[in-house]
């Protein structure tokens, strides 16, 4: 015997087919879809609030390398420009004189490289050029490379204080 539309209604008054699906053959009717979407919205809200609560308890601390450090003994550095990638500095040795300059371009923080033939630092990222004193020859770098204070520590190693910017003329002289 064939079902008629009048005897295929569920308790909500929605017509159902033989497999319990709605008239359009889909499992979701409007009420069920809105109910499920409401649950997802509730769970998303609870999850977002929970994440914010947990994240609030985690401090926003950036662990940066120390700004004052020892870099080794003077005899560890040969004549010329020596790059220390872990400290992002150049140690410049000219005879008994030592200087320490930042290896961070003032434009975007890239690492310039020393070009001996030009007696200058070149930044490979955006083309800035710095003269031997760290001054900007060609931009887009807005500021020169800073020179850092260097001293001999009590144990005979070179101590660099990157918090103290010094003029180009200030050198550390070590009698070897």
N, C-alpha and C. Protein backbone atom coordinates (compact mmCIF):
# COMPACT_ATOMS: atom_id res chain seq x y z
N UNK A 1 0.83 -1.17 0.00
CA UNK A 1 0.00 0.00 0.00
C UNK A 1 0.88 1.24 0.00
N UNK A 2 0.55 2.21 -0.76
CA UNK A 2 1.33 3.43 -0.87
C UNK A 2 1.02 4.38 0.25
N UNK A 3 2.12 5.02 0.75
CA UNK A 3 1.91 6.06 1.76
C UNK A 3 1.38 7.30 1.09
N UNK A 4 0.53 7.95 1.76
CA UNK A 4 0.08 9.24 1.27
C UNK A 4 0.79 10.30 2.07
N UNK A 5 0.72 11.50 1.62
CA UNK A 5 1.39 12.57 2.32
C UNK A 5 0.82 12.76 3.70
N UNK A 6 -0.40 12.50 3.90
CA UNK A 6 -1.01 12.75 5.20
C UNK A 6 -0.51 11.78 6.26
N UNK A 7 -0.14 10.55 5.89
CA UNK A 7 0.33 9.63 6.93
C UNK A 7 1.85 9.57 7.04
N UNK A 8 2.61 10.46 6.38
CA UNK A 8 4.07 10.47 6.47
C UNK A 8 4.58 11.65 7.27
N UNK A 9 3.74 12.31 8.05
CA UNK A 9 4.18 13.45 8.85
C UNK A 9 4.85 12.96 10.13
N UNK A 10 5.90 13.69 10.56
CA UNK A 10 6.49 13.39 11.86
C UNK A 10 5.83 14.26 12.91
N UNK A 11 6.37 14.22 14.13
CA UNK A 11 5.72 14.96 15.22
C UNK A 11 5.85 16.48 15.07
N UNK A 12 6.73 16.97 14.19
CA UNK A 12 6.84 18.41 13.93
C UNK A 12 5.93 18.84 12.79
N UNK A 13 5.31 17.90 12.15
CA UNK A 13 4.46 18.23 11.02
C UNK A 13 5.20 18.23 9.71
N UNK A 14 6.48 17.78 9.71
CA UNK A 14 7.28 17.73 8.49
C UNK A 14 7.02 16.41 7.80
N UNK A 15 6.84 16.45 6.51
CA UNK A 15 6.63 15.23 5.75
C UNK A 15 7.95 14.47 5.65
N UNK A 16 7.91 13.18 5.90
CA UNK A 16 9.10 12.33 5.85
C UNK A 16 8.89 11.22 4.83
N UNK A 17 9.97 10.83 4.22
CA UNK A 17 9.92 9.71 3.29
C UNK A 17 10.17 8.41 4.04
N UNK A 18 10.42 7.33 3.30
CA UNK A 18 10.59 6.01 3.91
C UNK A 18 11.85 5.91 4.77
N UNK A 19 12.93 6.63 4.45
CA UNK A 19 14.17 6.54 5.22
C UNK A 19 14.25 7.63 6.28
N UNK A 20 13.21 8.31 6.59
CA UNK A 20 13.22 9.34 7.61
C UNK A 20 13.77 10.66 7.13
N UNK A 21 13.94 10.80 5.83
CA UNK A 21 14.46 12.05 5.28
C UNK A 21 13.30 12.96 4.92
N UNK A 22 13.63 14.24 4.80
CA UNK A 22 12.60 15.22 4.48
C UNK A 22 12.13 15.09 3.05
N UNK A 23 11.21 15.96 2.67
CA UNK A 23 10.59 15.91 1.34
C UNK A 23 11.61 16.07 0.23
N UNK A 24 12.69 16.84 0.51
CA UNK A 24 13.68 17.06 -0.54
C UNK A 24 14.75 15.97 -0.56
N UNK A 25 14.61 14.95 0.28
CA UNK A 25 15.56 13.84 0.29
C UNK A 25 16.80 14.08 1.11
N UNK A 26 16.90 15.21 1.80
CA UNK A 26 18.05 15.53 2.63
C UNK A 26 17.76 15.22 4.09
N UNK A 27 18.79 14.86 4.81
CA UNK A 27 18.65 14.53 6.23
C UNK A 27 18.37 15.77 7.07
N UNK A 28 18.92 16.93 6.65
CA UNK A 28 18.77 18.15 7.44
C UNK A 28 17.56 18.94 6.99
N UNK A 29 16.69 19.20 7.91
CA UNK A 29 15.66 20.20 7.64
C UNK A 29 16.14 21.51 8.26
N UNK A 30 15.44 22.57 8.11
CA UNK A 30 15.87 23.88 8.57
C UNK A 30 16.10 23.89 10.07
N UNK A 31 15.22 23.29 10.82
CA UNK A 31 15.33 23.31 12.28
C UNK A 31 16.59 22.57 12.74
N UNK A 32 16.83 21.41 12.16
CA UNK A 32 18.01 20.63 12.55
C UNK A 32 19.30 21.36 12.15
N UNK A 33 19.32 21.97 10.98
CA UNK A 33 20.50 22.71 10.53
C UNK A 33 20.80 23.87 11.46
N UNK A 34 19.78 24.64 11.82
CA UNK A 34 19.99 25.77 12.72
C UNK A 34 20.42 25.30 14.11
N UNK A 35 19.89 24.18 14.55
CA UNK A 35 20.29 23.61 15.84
C UNK A 35 21.77 23.24 15.83
N UNK A 36 22.22 22.58 14.79
CA UNK A 36 23.63 22.17 14.69
C UNK A 36 24.53 23.40 14.57
N UNK A 37 24.13 24.38 13.77
CA UNK A 37 24.93 25.60 13.65
C UNK A 37 25.01 26.34 14.98
N UNK A 38 23.93 26.32 15.74
CA UNK A 38 23.94 26.94 17.07
C UNK A 38 24.93 26.26 18.00
N UNK A 39 24.98 24.93 17.95
CA UNK A 39 25.93 24.19 18.79
C UNK A 39 27.37 24.52 18.39
N UNK A 40 27.64 24.56 17.09
CA UNK A 40 28.99 24.91 16.64
C UNK A 40 29.37 26.32 17.08
N UNK A 41 28.45 27.25 16.98
CA UNK A 41 28.72 28.63 17.41
C UNK A 41 29.00 28.67 18.91
N UNK A 42 28.24 27.92 19.68
CA UNK A 42 28.46 27.88 21.14
C UNK A 42 29.82 27.28 21.47
N UNK A 43 30.14 26.16 20.83
CA UNK A 43 31.43 25.52 21.08
C UNK A 43 32.58 26.43 20.65
N UNK A 44 32.43 27.13 19.53
CA UNK A 44 33.46 28.06 19.08
C UNK A 44 33.66 29.19 20.07
N UNK A 45 32.58 29.71 20.61
CA UNK A 45 32.68 30.79 21.59
C UNK A 45 33.36 30.31 22.86
N UNK A 46 32.96 29.15 23.34
CA UNK A 46 33.58 28.59 24.55
C UNK A 46 35.06 28.32 24.31
N UNK A 47 35.39 27.76 23.13
CA UNK A 47 36.79 27.50 22.81
C UNK A 47 37.61 28.78 22.72
N UNK A 48 37.05 29.82 22.11
CA UNK A 48 37.76 31.10 22.01
C UNK A 48 38.01 31.73 23.36
N UNK A 49 37.00 31.69 24.23
CA UNK A 49 37.16 32.24 25.58
C UNK A 49 38.19 31.43 26.36
N UNK A 50 38.14 30.11 26.21
CA UNK A 50 39.11 29.26 26.92
C UNK A 50 40.53 29.55 26.44
N UNK A 51 40.73 29.67 25.12
CA UNK A 51 42.05 29.97 24.58
C UNK A 51 42.56 31.31 25.09
N UNK A 52 41.68 32.31 25.10
CA UNK A 52 42.08 33.63 25.58
C UNK A 52 42.47 33.57 27.05
N UNK A 53 41.75 32.77 27.84
CA UNK A 53 42.07 32.65 29.27
C UNK A 53 43.43 31.99 29.47
N UNK A 54 43.70 30.94 28.71
CA UNK A 54 44.99 30.25 28.82
C UNK A 54 46.11 31.16 28.32
N UNK A 55 45.90 31.84 27.19
CA UNK A 55 46.92 32.72 26.61
C UNK A 55 47.24 33.89 27.53
N UNK A 56 46.25 34.34 28.30
CA UNK A 56 46.44 35.44 29.24
C UNK A 56 47.48 35.07 30.30
N UNK A 57 47.58 33.80 30.63
CA UNK A 57 48.49 33.35 31.67
C UNK A 57 49.93 33.19 31.17
N UNK A 58 50.15 33.24 29.86
CA UNK A 58 51.49 33.09 29.29
C UNK A 58 52.06 34.48 29.02
N UNK A 59 53.18 34.84 29.65
CA UNK A 59 53.71 36.20 29.48
C UNK A 59 54.28 36.41 28.07
N UNK A 60 54.20 37.64 27.61
CA UNK A 60 54.77 38.02 26.31
C UNK A 60 56.21 38.49 26.53
N UNK A 61 57.12 37.56 26.57
CA UNK A 61 58.53 37.87 26.80
C UNK A 61 59.32 37.45 25.58
N UNK A 62 60.13 38.36 25.10
CA UNK A 62 61.05 38.03 24.02
C UNK A 62 62.42 37.79 24.65
N UNK A 63 62.96 36.62 24.43
CA UNK A 63 64.27 36.31 24.97
C UNK A 63 65.31 36.73 23.95
N UNK A 64 65.97 37.84 24.23
CA UNK A 64 66.97 38.38 23.33
C UNK A 64 68.36 38.04 23.86
N UNK A 65 69.31 37.95 22.97
CA UNK A 65 70.68 37.71 23.43
C UNK A 65 71.16 38.89 24.26
N UNK A 66 72.10 38.65 25.17
CA UNK A 66 72.60 39.75 26.01
C UNK A 66 73.28 40.81 25.15
N UNK A 67 73.21 42.04 25.62
CA UNK A 67 73.81 43.17 24.90
C UNK A 67 75.26 43.42 25.29
N UNK A 68 75.73 42.76 26.33
CA UNK A 68 77.14 42.87 26.75
C UNK A 68 77.69 41.45 26.84
N UNK A 69 78.83 41.20 26.20
CA UNK A 69 79.34 39.84 26.12
C UNK A 69 80.84 39.85 25.81
N UNK A 70 81.48 38.71 26.05
CA UNK A 70 82.89 38.53 25.72
C UNK A 70 82.97 37.75 24.41
N UNK A 71 83.95 38.13 23.58
CA UNK A 71 84.04 37.52 22.25
C UNK A 71 85.34 36.77 21.98
N UNK A 72 86.20 36.67 22.94
CA UNK A 72 87.45 35.95 22.73
C UNK A 72 88.66 36.84 22.95
N UNK A 73 89.82 36.26 22.79
CA UNK A 73 91.07 36.99 23.00
C UNK A 73 91.48 37.71 21.71
N UNK A 74 92.24 38.79 21.85
CA UNK A 74 92.65 39.56 20.66
C UNK A 74 93.37 38.72 19.61
N UNK A 75 94.20 37.76 20.03
CA UNK A 75 94.95 36.96 19.05
C UNK A 75 94.05 35.99 18.27
N UNK A 76 92.77 35.86 18.68
CA UNK A 76 91.82 35.00 17.95
C UNK A 76 91.37 35.63 16.64
N UNK A 77 91.63 36.93 16.47
CA UNK A 77 91.11 37.65 15.31
C UNK A 77 92.25 38.07 14.39
N UNK A 78 92.23 37.59 13.14
CA UNK A 78 93.27 37.99 12.19
C UNK A 78 93.03 39.43 11.72
N UNK A 79 94.03 39.96 11.06
CA UNK A 79 93.94 41.31 10.49
C UNK A 79 92.75 41.39 9.53
N UNK A 80 92.02 42.50 9.59
CA UNK A 80 90.88 42.72 8.68
C UNK A 80 89.54 42.69 9.41
N UNK A 81 88.51 42.38 8.64
CA UNK A 81 87.13 42.38 9.16
C UNK A 81 86.71 40.94 9.43
N UNK A 82 86.30 40.68 10.66
CA UNK A 82 85.89 39.34 11.09
C UNK A 82 84.42 39.37 11.50
N UNK A 83 83.64 38.47 10.93
CA UNK A 83 82.19 38.43 11.20
C UNK A 83 81.88 37.38 12.26
N UNK A 84 81.10 37.77 13.27
CA UNK A 84 80.62 36.85 14.30
C UNK A 84 79.10 36.73 14.15
N UNK A 85 78.62 35.71 13.43
CA UNK A 85 77.19 35.62 13.13
C UNK A 85 76.30 35.44 14.36
N UNK A 86 76.79 34.74 15.38
CA UNK A 86 75.95 34.52 16.56
C UNK A 86 75.75 35.80 17.37
N UNK A 87 76.67 36.74 17.27
CA UNK A 87 76.55 38.03 17.98
C UNK A 87 76.09 39.15 17.06
N UNK A 88 76.09 38.89 15.76
CA UNK A 88 75.72 39.87 14.72
C UNK A 88 76.57 41.14 14.82
N UNK A 89 77.87 40.91 14.86
CA UNK A 89 78.84 42.01 14.88
C UNK A 89 80.00 41.69 13.94
N UNK A 90 80.72 42.75 13.59
CA UNK A 90 81.99 42.63 12.89
C UNK A 90 83.07 43.11 13.84
N UNK A 91 84.15 42.34 13.95
CA UNK A 91 85.32 42.78 14.71
C UNK A 91 86.36 43.20 13.67
N UNK A 92 86.71 44.48 13.71
CA UNK A 92 87.66 45.03 12.74
C UNK A 92 89.01 45.17 13.43
N UNK A 93 90.00 44.47 12.88
CA UNK A 93 91.36 44.55 13.44
C UNK A 93 92.27 45.20 12.42
N UNK A 94 92.93 46.25 12.86
CA UNK A 94 93.94 46.94 12.05
C UNK A 94 95.19 47.05 12.92
N UNK A 95 96.08 46.09 12.78
CA UNK A 95 97.29 46.06 13.61
C UNK A 95 96.93 45.75 15.05
N UNK A 96 97.26 46.69 15.96
CA UNK A 96 96.95 46.51 17.38
C UNK A 96 95.61 47.12 17.76
N UNK A 97 94.93 47.72 16.80
CA UNK A 97 93.67 48.41 17.07
C UNK A 97 92.47 47.53 16.72
N UNK A 98 91.50 47.52 17.61
CA UNK A 98 90.28 46.75 17.43
C UNK A 98 89.07 47.67 17.53
N UNK A 99 88.07 47.40 16.68
CA UNK A 99 86.79 48.10 16.73
C UNK A 99 85.70 47.06 16.51
N UNK A 100 84.53 47.35 17.04
CA UNK A 100 83.40 46.44 16.88
C UNK A 100 82.22 47.24 16.34
N UNK A 101 81.67 46.77 15.21
CA UNK A 101 80.55 47.45 14.56
C UNK A 101 79.38 46.48 14.42
N UNK A 102 78.19 47.01 14.47
CA UNK A 102 76.98 46.21 14.33
C UNK A 102 76.90 45.58 12.95
N UNK A 103 76.40 44.36 12.88
CA UNK A 103 76.17 43.67 11.61
C UNK A 103 74.68 43.61 11.31
N UNK A 104 73.96 44.67 11.71
CA UNK A 104 72.52 44.74 11.48
C UNK A 104 72.22 46.03 10.71
N UNK A 105 71.73 45.88 9.48
CA UNK A 105 71.39 47.04 8.66
C UNK A 105 70.26 47.82 9.32
N UNK A 106 70.38 49.14 9.33
CA UNK A 106 69.38 49.99 9.98
C UNK A 106 68.09 50.10 9.18
N UNK A 107 68.04 49.52 8.00
CA UNK A 107 66.82 49.58 7.19
C UNK A 107 65.83 48.48 7.59
N UNK A 108 66.21 47.23 7.40
CA UNK A 108 65.29 46.12 7.68
C UNK A 108 65.92 45.02 8.54
N UNK A 109 67.10 45.25 9.08
CA UNK A 109 67.71 44.28 9.98
C UNK A 109 68.48 43.16 9.30
N UNK A 110 68.75 43.28 8.02
CA UNK A 110 69.54 42.27 7.32
C UNK A 110 71.01 42.39 7.72
N UNK A 111 71.80 41.42 7.32
CA UNK A 111 73.23 41.44 7.66
C UNK A 111 74.04 41.91 6.46
N UNK A 112 74.66 43.10 6.55
CA UNK A 112 75.51 43.55 5.45
C UNK A 112 76.79 42.71 5.38
N UNK A 113 77.43 42.71 4.24
CA UNK A 113 78.70 41.97 4.10
C UNK A 113 79.80 42.96 3.74
N UNK A 114 80.99 42.66 4.22
CA UNK A 114 82.14 43.51 3.96
C UNK A 114 82.67 43.21 2.58
N UNK A 115 82.86 44.25 1.77
CA UNK A 115 83.42 44.11 0.42
C UNK A 115 84.77 44.82 0.44
N UNK A 116 85.83 44.03 0.51
CA UNK A 116 87.19 44.56 0.66
C UNK A 116 87.57 45.50 -0.49
N UNK A 117 87.21 45.12 -1.74
CA UNK A 117 87.59 45.92 -2.91
C UNK A 117 86.98 47.32 -2.87
N UNK A 118 85.80 47.45 -2.28
CA UNK A 118 85.13 48.76 -2.21
C UNK A 118 85.35 49.45 -0.87
N UNK A 119 85.96 48.71 0.07
CA UNK A 119 86.18 49.24 1.41
C UNK A 119 84.86 49.73 2.01
N UNK A 120 83.84 48.87 1.88
CA UNK A 120 82.49 49.25 2.33
C UNK A 120 81.67 48.01 2.69
N UNK A 121 80.61 48.26 3.43
CA UNK A 121 79.64 47.21 3.73
C UNK A 121 78.47 47.36 2.78
N UNK A 122 78.00 46.23 2.23
CA UNK A 122 76.84 46.24 1.34
C UNK A 122 75.76 45.36 1.94
N UNK A 123 74.53 45.88 1.96
CA UNK A 123 73.40 45.08 2.44
C UNK A 123 72.76 44.37 1.25
N UNK A 124 72.72 43.05 1.26
CA UNK A 124 72.19 42.31 0.12
C UNK A 124 70.67 42.39 -0.02
N UNK A 125 69.97 42.80 1.01
CA UNK A 125 68.50 42.80 0.96
C UNK A 125 67.94 43.91 0.07
N UNK A 126 68.36 45.15 0.31
CA UNK A 126 67.78 46.27 -0.42
C UNK A 126 68.83 47.22 -1.00
N UNK A 127 70.09 46.82 -0.97
CA UNK A 127 71.12 47.58 -1.66
C UNK A 127 71.76 48.73 -0.91
N UNK A 128 71.54 48.85 0.38
CA UNK A 128 72.20 49.92 1.13
C UNK A 128 73.71 49.69 1.14
N UNK A 129 74.46 50.79 1.11
CA UNK A 129 75.92 50.71 1.16
C UNK A 129 76.39 51.63 2.29
N UNK A 130 77.32 51.10 3.10
CA UNK A 130 77.89 51.85 4.22
C UNK A 130 79.39 51.96 3.99
N UNK A 131 79.96 53.14 4.26
CA UNK A 131 81.40 53.31 4.09
C UNK A 131 82.15 52.61 5.23
N UNK A 132 83.49 52.70 5.19
CA UNK A 132 84.30 52.00 6.19
C UNK A 132 84.03 52.49 7.61
N UNK A 133 83.50 53.69 7.76
CA UNK A 133 83.17 54.23 9.08
C UNK A 133 81.74 53.87 9.51
N UNK A 134 81.02 53.16 8.64
CA UNK A 134 79.64 52.77 8.96
C UNK A 134 78.60 53.76 8.48
N UNK A 135 79.04 54.87 7.89
CA UNK A 135 78.10 55.89 7.40
C UNK A 135 77.36 55.44 6.16
N UNK A 136 76.13 55.91 6.00
CA UNK A 136 75.31 55.54 4.85
C UNK A 136 75.82 56.27 3.61
N UNK A 137 76.20 55.50 2.59
CA UNK A 137 76.63 56.04 1.31
C UNK A 137 75.44 56.02 0.35
N UNK A 138 74.67 54.92 0.41
CA UNK A 138 73.52 54.75 -0.47
C UNK A 138 72.41 54.09 0.33
N UNK A 139 71.21 54.65 0.27
CA UNK A 139 70.05 54.13 1.00
C UNK A 139 69.47 52.91 0.35
N UNK A 140 68.43 52.42 0.95
CA UNK A 140 67.42 53.05 1.79
C UNK A 140 67.69 53.05 3.29
N UNK A 141 68.83 52.58 3.74
CA UNK A 141 69.11 52.59 5.19
C UNK A 141 69.05 54.02 5.72
N UNK A 142 68.29 54.25 6.81
CA UNK A 142 68.15 55.61 7.33
C UNK A 142 69.29 56.04 8.25
N UNK A 143 69.96 55.10 8.88
CA UNK A 143 70.98 55.43 9.88
C UNK A 143 72.27 54.66 9.62
N UNK A 144 73.40 55.19 10.11
CA UNK A 144 74.67 54.47 9.96
C UNK A 144 74.71 53.22 10.84
N UNK A 145 75.69 52.37 10.57
CA UNK A 145 75.92 51.21 11.43
C UNK A 145 76.60 51.70 12.70
N UNK A 146 76.10 51.33 13.88
CA UNK A 146 76.71 51.81 15.12
C UNK A 146 77.97 51.02 15.49
N UNK A 147 78.91 51.74 16.10
CA UNK A 147 80.12 51.13 16.64
C UNK A 147 79.89 50.91 18.13
N UNK A 148 80.32 49.76 18.63
CA UNK A 148 80.10 49.41 20.04
C UNK A 148 81.38 49.55 20.85
N UNK A 149 81.21 49.81 22.12
CA UNK A 149 82.34 49.92 23.02
C UNK A 149 83.00 48.55 23.20
N UNK A 150 84.33 48.53 23.13
CA UNK A 150 85.10 47.30 23.34
C UNK A 150 86.20 47.58 24.35
N UNK A 151 86.38 46.64 25.29
CA UNK A 151 87.40 46.75 26.33
C UNK A 151 88.04 45.38 26.51
N UNK A 152 89.14 45.37 27.23
CA UNK A 152 89.75 44.09 27.62
C UNK A 152 89.25 43.77 29.02
N UNK A 153 88.65 42.59 29.17
CA UNK A 153 88.14 42.15 30.47
C UNK A 153 89.30 41.65 31.33
N UNK A 154 89.03 41.40 32.59
CA UNK A 154 90.08 40.96 33.52
C UNK A 154 90.69 39.62 33.12
N UNK A 155 89.95 38.79 32.38
CA UNK A 155 90.50 37.50 31.95
C UNK A 155 91.23 37.59 30.61
N UNK A 156 91.40 38.80 30.06
CA UNK A 156 92.16 38.99 28.83
C UNK A 156 91.33 38.90 27.56
N UNK A 157 90.04 38.63 27.68
CA UNK A 157 89.18 38.55 26.49
C UNK A 157 88.58 39.92 26.17
N UNK A 158 88.19 40.08 24.92
CA UNK A 158 87.55 41.34 24.50
C UNK A 158 86.11 41.33 24.99
N UNK A 159 85.73 42.40 25.67
CA UNK A 159 84.38 42.57 26.20
C UNK A 159 83.68 43.63 25.35
N UNK A 160 82.53 43.29 24.78
CA UNK A 160 81.77 44.20 23.93
C UNK A 160 80.49 44.59 24.66
N UNK A 161 80.22 45.89 24.70
CA UNK A 161 78.98 46.39 25.30
C UNK A 161 78.18 47.07 24.19
N UNK A 162 77.20 46.34 23.64
CA UNK A 162 76.39 46.86 22.53
C UNK A 162 75.37 47.89 22.99
N UNK A 163 75.27 48.10 24.29
CA UNK A 163 74.37 49.15 24.80
C UNK A 163 75.03 50.52 24.70
N UNK A 164 76.36 50.52 24.54
CA UNK A 164 77.11 51.78 24.50
C UNK A 164 77.63 52.01 23.09
N UNK A 165 77.07 53.00 22.43
CA UNK A 165 77.49 53.37 21.08
C UNK A 165 78.65 54.36 21.21
N UNK A 166 79.70 54.12 20.45
CA UNK A 166 80.89 54.98 20.52
C UNK A 166 81.17 55.55 19.13
N UNK A 167 81.94 56.65 19.06
CA UNK A 167 82.31 57.19 17.74
C UNK A 167 83.31 56.28 17.04
N UNK A 168 83.37 56.43 15.73
CA UNK A 168 84.28 55.63 14.91
C UNK A 168 85.72 55.78 15.37
N UNK A 169 86.07 56.92 15.88
CA UNK A 169 87.46 57.20 16.26
C UNK A 169 87.90 56.45 17.51
N UNK A 170 86.96 55.94 18.28
CA UNK A 170 87.33 55.23 19.52
C UNK A 170 87.74 53.80 19.18
N UNK A 171 88.95 53.44 19.58
CA UNK A 171 89.46 52.09 19.30
C UNK A 171 89.97 51.45 20.58
N UNK A 172 90.05 50.14 20.52
CA UNK A 172 90.67 49.37 21.60
C UNK A 172 92.06 49.01 21.10
N UNK A 173 93.08 49.46 21.79
CA UNK A 173 94.46 49.17 21.40
C UNK A 173 95.01 48.11 22.33
N UNK A 174 95.51 47.03 21.72
CA UNK A 174 96.06 45.91 22.49
C UNK A 174 97.50 45.71 22.06
N UNK A 175 98.42 45.78 23.01
CA UNK A 175 99.84 45.53 22.72
C UNK A 175 100.05 44.02 22.73
N UNK A 176 100.50 43.51 21.60
CA UNK A 176 100.72 42.06 21.52
C UNK A 176 102.18 41.71 21.60
